[in-house]
């Protein structure tokens, strides 16, 4: 059984409108940070290195969330 347009109504159009409203009417616009893609990659790479260094320092200090995944495996 196939639905014709009259049976389906305007559901498809309403769904498109809702999806567009949820996305905030965003369109493909360039990033507003004024950086080139290469500069953005470098900035992101530095941020990841800093994050890894902080996590390593926390693990070395014996922090609570020092990278073990959280749950202890106490199976017997």
PDB file of N, CA and C in Angstrom:
ATOM      1  N   UNK A   1       0.849  -1.171   0.000  1.00  0.00           N
ATOM      2  CA  UNK A   1       0.000   0.000   0.000  1.00  0.00           C
ATOM      3  C   UNK A   1       0.891   1.230   0.000  1.00  0.00           C
ATOM      4  N   UNK A   2       0.680   2.101  -0.934  1.00  0.00           N
ATOM      5  CA  UNK A   2       1.466   3.324  -1.003  1.00  0.00           C
ATOM      6  C   UNK A   2       0.572   4.510  -0.697  1.00  0.00           C
ATOM      7  N   UNK A   3       1.172   5.487  -0.079  1.00  0.00           N
ATOM      8  CA  UNK A   3       0.429   6.696   0.265  1.00  0.00           C
ATOM      9  C   UNK A   3       0.633   7.739  -0.826  1.00  0.00           C
ATOM     10  N   UNK A   4      -0.436   8.333  -1.228  1.00  0.00           N
ATOM     11  CA  UNK A   4      -0.325   9.410  -2.203  1.00  0.00           C
ATOM     12  C   UNK A   4      -0.145  10.724  -1.465  1.00  0.00           C
ATOM     13  N   UNK A   5       0.144  11.751  -2.192  1.00  0.00           N
ATOM     14  CA  UNK A   5       0.374  13.062  -1.575  1.00  0.00           C
ATOM     15  C   UNK A   5      -0.847  13.519  -0.786  1.00  0.00           C
ATOM     16  N   UNK A   6      -2.019  13.299  -1.297  1.00  0.00           N
ATOM     17  CA  UNK A   6      -3.217  13.754  -0.594  1.00  0.00           C
ATOM     18  C   UNK A   6      -3.419  12.986   0.708  1.00  0.00           C
ATOM     19  N   UNK A   7      -3.028  11.719   0.745  1.00  0.00           N
ATOM     20  CA  UNK A   7      -3.171  10.948   1.973  1.00  0.00           C
ATOM     21  C   UNK A   7      -2.107  11.333   2.996  1.00  0.00           C
ATOM     22  N   UNK A   8      -0.944  11.700   2.514  1.00  0.00           N
ATOM     23  CA  UNK A   8       0.159  12.043   3.408  1.00  0.00           C
ATOM     24  C   UNK A   8       0.005  13.457   3.960  1.00  0.00           C
ATOM     25  N   UNK A   9      -0.679  14.301   3.261  1.00  0.00           N
ATOM     26  CA  UNK A   9      -0.842  15.666   3.734  1.00  0.00           C
ATOM     27  C   UNK A   9       0.447  16.451   3.575  1.00  0.00           C
ATOM     28  N   UNK A  10       0.687  17.374   4.478  1.00  0.00           N
ATOM     29  CA  UNK A  10       1.883  18.202   4.377  1.00  0.00           C
ATOM     30  C   UNK A  10       2.908  17.844   5.441  1.00  0.00           C
ATOM     31  N   UNK A  11       2.920  16.590   5.860  1.00  0.00           N
ATOM     32  CA  UNK A  11       3.817  16.163   6.920  1.00  0.00           C
ATOM     33  C   UNK A  11       5.281  16.403   6.563  1.00  0.00           C
ATOM     34  N   UNK A  12       5.656  16.106   5.348  1.00  0.00           N
ATOM     35  CA  UNK A  12       7.046  16.274   4.928  1.00  0.00           C
ATOM     36  C   UNK A  12       7.467  17.747   5.027  1.00  0.00           C
ATOM     37  N   UNK A  13       6.589  18.640   4.560  1.00  0.00           N
ATOM     38  CA  UNK A  13       6.902  20.058   4.620  1.00  0.00           C
ATOM     39  C   UNK A  13       6.981  20.542   6.070  1.00  0.00           C
ATOM     40  N   UNK A  14       6.061  20.064   6.903  1.00  0.00           N
ATOM     41  CA  UNK A  14       6.091  20.458   8.315  1.00  0.00           C
ATOM     42  C   UNK A  14       7.364  19.957   8.981  1.00  0.00           C
ATOM     43  N   UNK A  15       7.769  18.723   8.662  1.00  0.00           N
ATOM     44  CA  UNK A  15       8.994  18.187   9.241  1.00  0.00           C
ATOM     45  C   UNK A  15      10.208  18.999   8.820  1.00  0.00           C
ATOM     46  N   UNK A  16      10.241  19.420   7.568  1.00  0.00           N
ATOM     47  CA  UNK A  16      11.353  20.256   7.108  1.00  0.00           C
ATOM     48  C   UNK A  16      11.385  21.581   7.861  1.00  0.00           C
ATOM     49  N   UNK A  17      10.224  22.187   8.046  1.00  0.00           N
ATOM     50  CA  UNK A  17      10.152  23.453   8.777  1.00  0.00           C
ATOM     51  C   UNK A  17      10.612  23.270  10.223  1.00  0.00           C
ATOM     52  N   UNK A  18      10.191  22.188  10.844  1.00  0.00           N
ATOM     53  CA  UNK A  18      10.587  21.935  12.227  1.00  0.00           C
ATOM     54  C   UNK A  18      12.088  21.713  12.331  1.00  0.00           C
ATOM     55  N   UNK A  19      12.643  20.959  11.393  1.00  0.00           N
ATOM     56  CA  UNK A  19      14.082  20.699  11.406  1.00  0.00           C
ATOM     57  C   UNK A  19      14.866  21.994  11.226  1.00  0.00           C
ATOM     58  N   UNK A  20      14.383  22.850  10.349  1.00  0.00           N
ATOM     59  CA  UNK A  20      15.047  24.123  10.115  1.00  0.00           C
ATOM     60  C   UNK A  20      14.943  25.017  11.358  1.00  0.00           C
ATOM     61  N   UNK A  21      13.811  24.979  12.025  1.00  0.00           N
ATOM     62  CA  UNK A  21      13.640  25.771  13.242  1.00  0.00           C
ATOM     63  C   UNK A  21      14.554  25.262  14.348  1.00  0.00           C
ATOM     64  N   UNK A  22      14.701  23.937  14.462  1.00  0.00           N
ATOM     65  CA  UNK A  22      15.578  23.371  15.480  1.00  0.00           C
ATOM     66  C   UNK A  22      17.021  23.757  15.242  1.00  0.00           C
ATOM     67  N   UNK A  23      17.433  23.829  13.995  1.00  0.00           N
ATOM     68  CA  UNK A  23      18.826  24.147  13.697  1.00  0.00           C
ATOM     69  C   UNK A  23      19.087  25.634  13.819  1.00  0.00           C
ATOM     70  N   UNK A  24      18.076  26.424  14.107  1.00  0.00           N
ATOM     71  CA  UNK A  24      18.256  27.844  14.302  1.00  0.00           C
ATOM     72  C   UNK A  24      18.488  28.593  13.010  1.00  0.00           C
ATOM     73  N   UNK A  25      17.991  28.073  11.915  1.00  0.00           N
ATOM     74  CA  UNK A  25      18.138  28.692  10.597  1.00  0.00           C
ATOM     75  C   UNK A  25      19.601  28.898  10.245  1.00  0.00           C
ATOM     76  N   UNK A  26      20.448  27.981  10.674  1.00  0.00           N
ATOM     77  CA  UNK A  26      21.866  28.085  10.366  1.00  0.00           C
ATOM     78  C   UNK A  26      22.088  27.785   8.895  1.00  0.00           C
ATOM     79  N   UNK A  27      22.976  28.520   8.316  1.00  0.00           N
ATOM     80  CA  UNK A  27      23.351  28.250   6.941  1.00  0.00           C
ATOM     81  C   UNK A  27      24.848  28.015   6.904  1.00  0.00           C
ATOM     82  N   UNK A  28      25.330  27.543   5.783  1.00  0.00           N
ATOM     83  CA  UNK A  28      26.759  27.295   5.642  1.00  0.00           C
ATOM     84  C   UNK A  28      27.493  28.626   5.612  1.00  0.00           C
ATOM     85  N   UNK A  29      28.027  29.017   6.757  1.00  0.00           N
ATOM     86  CA  UNK A  29      28.776  30.260   6.846  1.00  0.00           C
ATOM     87  C   UNK A  29      30.180  29.944   7.349  1.00  0.00           C
ATOM     88  N   UNK A  30      31.146  30.726   6.932  1.00  0.00           N
ATOM     89  CA  UNK A  30      32.500  30.489   7.429  1.00  0.00           C
ATOM     90  C   UNK A  30      32.593  30.759   8.924  1.00  0.00           C
ATOM     91  N   UNK A  31      33.586  30.192   9.558  1.00  0.00           N
ATOM     92  CA  UNK A  31      33.794  30.386  10.987  1.00  0.00           C
ATOM     93  C   UNK A  31      34.057  31.854  11.253  1.00  0.00           C
ATOM     94  N   UNK A  32      33.542  32.353  12.350  1.00  0.00           N
ATOM     95  CA  UNK A  32      33.680  33.762  12.675  1.00  0.00           C
ATOM     96  C   UNK A  32      34.906  34.083  13.501  1.00  0.00           C
ATOM     97  N   UNK A  33      35.868  33.158  13.626  1.00  0.00           N
ATOM     98  CA  UNK A  33      37.031  33.423  14.464  1.00  0.00           C
ATOM     99  C   UNK A  33      38.171  34.094  13.710  1.00  0.00           C
ATOM    100  N   UNK A  34      38.039  34.274  12.406  1.00  0.00           N
ATOM    101  CA  UNK A  34      39.048  34.972  11.625  1.00  0.00           C
ATOM    102  C   UNK A  34      40.319  34.181  11.387  1.00  0.00           C
ATOM    103  N   UNK A  35      40.264  32.875  11.571  1.00  0.00           N
ATOM    104  CA  UNK A  35      41.448  32.044  11.379  1.00  0.00           C
ATOM    105  C   UNK A  35      41.353  31.273  10.073  1.00  0.00           C
ATOM    106  N   UNK A  36      42.512  30.995   9.509  1.00  0.00           N
ATOM    107  CA  UNK A  36      42.544  30.133   8.342  1.00  0.00           C
ATOM    108  C   UNK A  36      42.394  28.698   8.830  1.00  0.00           C
ATOM    109  N   UNK A  37      42.055  27.779   7.945  1.00  0.00           N
ATOM    110  CA  UNK A  37      41.948  26.382   8.384  1.00  0.00           C
ATOM    111  C   UNK A  37      43.241  25.854   9.012  1.00  0.00           C
ATOM    112  N   UNK A  38      44.386  26.258   8.476  1.00  0.00           N
ATOM    113  CA  UNK A  38      45.671  25.815   9.038  1.00  0.00           C
ATOM    114  C   UNK A  38      45.863  26.363  10.449  1.00  0.00           C
ATOM    115  N   UNK A  39      45.523  27.627  10.664  1.00  0.00           N
ATOM    116  CA  UNK A  39      45.638  28.217  11.994  1.00  0.00           C
ATOM    117  C   UNK A  39      44.683  27.545  12.976  1.00  0.00           C
ATOM    118  N   UNK A  40      43.499  27.211  12.492  1.00  0.00           N
ATOM    119  CA  UNK A  40      42.511  26.555  13.338  1.00  0.00           C
ATOM    120  C   UNK A  40      43.003  25.162  13.746  1.00  0.00           C
ATOM    121  N   UNK A  41      43.587  24.419  12.790  1.00  0.00           N
ATOM    122  CA  UNK A  41      44.134  23.092  13.110  1.00  0.00           C
ATOM    123  C   UNK A  41      45.246  23.200  14.138  1.00  0.00           C
ATOM    124  N   UNK A  42      46.116  24.197  13.976  1.00  0.00           N
ATOM    125  CA  UNK A  42      47.216  24.380  14.915  1.00  0.00           C
ATOM    126  C   UNK A  42      46.695  24.730  16.306  1.00  0.00           C
ATOM    127  N   UNK A  43      45.699  25.613  16.370  1.00  0.00           N
ATOM    128  CA  UNK A  43      45.109  25.984  17.649  1.00  0.00           C
ATOM    129  C   UNK A  43      44.485  24.770  18.332  1.00  0.00           C
ATOM    130  N   UNK A  44      43.747  23.972  17.554  1.00  0.00           N
ATOM    131  CA  UNK A  44      43.094  22.795  18.118  1.00  0.00           C
ATOM    132  C   UNK A  44      44.115  21.759  18.575  1.00  0.00           C
ATOM    133  N   UNK A  45      45.194  21.588  17.800  1.00  0.00           N
ATOM    134  CA  UNK A  45      46.235  20.628  18.176  1.00  0.00           C
ATOM    135  C   UNK A  45      46.892  21.056  19.487  1.00  0.00           C
ATOM    136  N   UNK A  46      47.165  22.353  19.631  1.00  0.00           N
ATOM    137  CA  UNK A  46      47.765  22.845  20.873  1.00  0.00           C
ATOM    138  C   UNK A  46      46.820  22.635  22.049  1.00  0.00           C
ATOM    139  N   UNK A  47      45.544  22.841  21.844  1.00  0.00           N
ATOM    140  CA  UNK A  47      44.570  22.637  22.920  1.00  0.00           C
ATOM    141  C   UNK A  47      44.545  21.173  23.345  1.00  0.00           C
ATOM    142  N   UNK A  48      44.613  20.260  22.373  1.00  0.00           N
ATOM    143  CA  UNK A  48      44.622  18.832  22.706  1.00  0.00           C
ATOM    144  C   UNK A  48      45.890  18.437  23.449  1.00  0.00           C
ATOM    145  N   UNK A  49      47.035  19.010  23.043  1.00  0.00           N
ATOM    146  CA  UNK A  49      48.294  18.718  23.736  1.00  0.00           C
ATOM    147  C   UNK A  49      48.232  19.204  25.175  1.00  0.00           C
ATOM    148  N   UNK A  50      47.695  20.403  25.389  1.00  0.00           N
ATOM    149  CA  UNK A  50      47.572  20.931  26.740  1.00  0.00           C
ATOM    150  C   UNK A  50      46.646  20.067  27.587  1.00  0.00           C
ATOM    151  N   UNK A  51      45.565  19.606  26.990  1.00  0.00           N
ATOM    152  CA  UNK A  51      44.625  18.759  27.714  1.00  0.00           C
ATOM    153  C   UNK A  51      45.288  17.437  28.105  1.00  0.00           C
ATOM    154  N   UNK A  52      46.047  16.850  27.181  1.00  0.00           N
ATOM    155  CA  UNK A  52      46.736  15.595  27.472  1.00  0.00           C
ATOM    156  C   UNK A  52      47.780  15.804  28.560  1.00  0.00           C
ATOM    157  N   UNK A  53      48.476  16.938  28.537  1.00  0.00           N
ATOM    158  CA  UNK A  53      49.483  17.223  29.554  1.00  0.00           C
ATOM    159  C   UNK A  53      48.824  17.385  30.929  1.00  0.00           C
ATOM    160  N   UNK A  54      47.681  18.074  30.971  1.00  0.00           N
ATOM    161  CA  UNK A  54      46.967  18.221  32.246  1.00  0.00           C
ATOM    162  C   UNK A  54      46.523  16.864  32.781  1.00  0.00           C
ATOM    163  N   UNK A  55      46.030  16.012  31.889  1.00  0.00           N
ATOM    164  CA  UNK A  55      45.570  14.692  32.320  1.00  0.00           C
ATOM    165  C   UNK A  55      46.737  13.846  32.809  1.00  0.00           C
ATOM    166  N   UNK A  56      47.873  13.933  32.118  1.00  0.00           N
ATOM    167  CA  UNK A  56      49.057  13.187  32.547  1.00  0.00           C
ATOM    168  C   UNK A  56      49.543  13.685  33.899  1.00  0.00           C
ATOM    169  N   UNK A  57      49.519  15.001  34.110  1.00  0.00           N
ATOM    170  CA  UNK A  57      49.936  15.560  35.389  1.00  0.00           C
ATOM    171  C   UNK A  57      48.993  15.108  36.497  1.00  0.00           C
ATOM    172  N   UNK A  58      47.721  15.068  36.199  1.00  0.00           N
ATOM    173  CA  UNK A  58      46.743  14.627  37.189  1.00  0.00           C
ATOM    174  C   UNK A  58      46.961  13.148  37.516  1.00  0.00           C
ATOM    175  N   UNK A  59      47.252  12.338  36.500  1.00  0.00           N
ATOM    176  CA  UNK A  59      47.494  10.915  36.734  1.00  0.00           C
ATOM    177  C   UNK A  59      48.754  10.713  37.559  1.00  0.00           C
ATOM    178  N   UNK A  60      49.790  11.503  37.279  1.00  0.00           N
ATOM    179  CA  UNK A  60      51.032  11.396  38.034  1.00  0.00           C
ATOM    180  C   UNK A  60      50.828  11.815  39.487  1.00  0.00           C
ATOM    181  N   UNK A  61      49.917  12.746  39.714  1.00  0.00           N
ATOM    182  CA  UNK A  61      49.638  13.218  41.067  1.00  0.00           C
ATOM    183  C   UNK A  61      48.680  12.283  41.798  1.00  0.00           C
ATOM    184  N   UNK A  62      48.163  11.273  41.083  1.00  0.00           N
ATOM    185  CA  UNK A  62      47.247  10.329  41.712  1.00  0.00           C
ATOM    186  C   UNK A  62      45.854  10.881  41.878  1.00  0.00           C
ATOM    187  N   UNK A  63      45.400  11.650  40.899  1.00  0.00           N
ATOM    188  CA  UNK A  63      44.075  12.255  40.960  1.00  0.00           C
ATOM    189  C   UNK A  63      42.973  11.212  40.944  1.00  0.00           C
ATOM    190  N   UNK A  64      41.792  11.629  41.323  1.00  0.00           N
ATOM    191  CA  UNK A  64      40.643  10.724  41.409  1.00  0.00           C
ATOM    192  C   UNK A  64      40.312  10.141  40.047  1.00  0.00           C
ATOM    193  N   UNK A  65      40.260  10.975  39.026  1.00  0.00           N
ATOM    194  CA  UNK A  65      39.910  10.514  37.686  1.00  0.00           C
ATOM    195  C   UNK A  65      41.163  10.356  36.835  1.00  0.00           C
ATOM    196  N   UNK A  66      42.141   9.702  37.354  1.00  0.00           N
ATOM    197  CA  UNK A  66      43.420   9.595  36.677  1.00  0.00           C
ATOM    198  C   UNK A  66      43.408   8.514  35.613  1.00  0.00           C
ATOM    199  N   UNK A  67      42.500   8.596  34.695  1.00  0.00           N
ATOM    200  CA  UNK A  67      42.527   7.841  33.465  1.00  0.00           C
ATOM    201  C   UNK A  67      42.338   6.350  33.518  1.00  0.00           C
ATOM    202  N   UNK A  68      41.653   5.768  34.422  1.00  0.00           N
ATOM    203  CA  UNK A  68      41.463   4.333  34.406  1.00  0.00           C
ATOM    204  C   UNK A  68      40.137   3.913  33.807  1.00  0.00           C
ATOM    205  N   UNK A  69      39.342   4.835  33.424  1.00  0.00           N
ATOM    206  CA  UNK A  69      38.039   4.510  32.873  1.00  0.00           C
ATOM    207  C   UNK A  69      36.940   4.584  33.922  1.00  0.00           C
ATOM    208  N   UNK A  70      37.296   4.757  35.167  1.00  0.00           N
ATOM    209  CA  UNK A  70      36.275   4.989  36.177  1.00  0.00           C
ATOM    210  C   UNK A  70      35.961   3.795  37.047  1.00  0.00           C
ATOM    211  N   UNK A  71      35.306   2.773  36.527  1.00  0.00           N
ATOM    212  CA  UNK A  71      34.821   1.672  37.337  1.00  0.00           C
ATOM    213  C   UNK A  71      35.924   0.642  37.600  1.00  0.00           C
ATOM    214  N   UNK A  72      35.936   0.149  38.807  1.00  0.00           N
ATOM    215  CA  UNK A  72      36.882  -0.910  39.164  1.00  0.00           C
ATOM    216  C   UNK A  72      36.273  -2.249  38.775  1.00  0.00           C
ATOM    217  N   UNK A  73      37.109  -3.172  38.380  1.00  0.00           N
ATOM    218  CA  UNK A  73      36.650  -4.488  37.967  1.00  0.00           C
ATOM    219  C   UNK A  73      36.876  -5.459  39.121  1.00  0.00           C
ATOM    220  N   UNK A  74      35.834  -5.700  39.913  1.00  0.00           N
ATOM    221  CA  UNK A  74      35.937  -6.534  41.102  1.00  0.00           C
ATOM    222  C   UNK A  74      35.249  -7.881  40.911  1.00  0.00           C
ATOM    223  N   UNK A  75      35.397  -8.506  39.762  1.00  0.00           N
ATOM    224  CA  UNK A  75      34.762  -9.809  39.530  1.00  0.00           C
ATOM    225  C   UNK A  75      35.562 -10.899  40.213  1.00  0.00           C
ATOM    226  N   UNK A  76      34.868 -11.867  40.783  1.00  0.00           N
ATOM    227  CA  UNK A  76      35.525 -13.008  41.438  1.00  0.00           C
ATOM    228  C   UNK A  76      35.009 -14.296  40.909  1.00  0.00           C
TER     229      UNK A  76
END
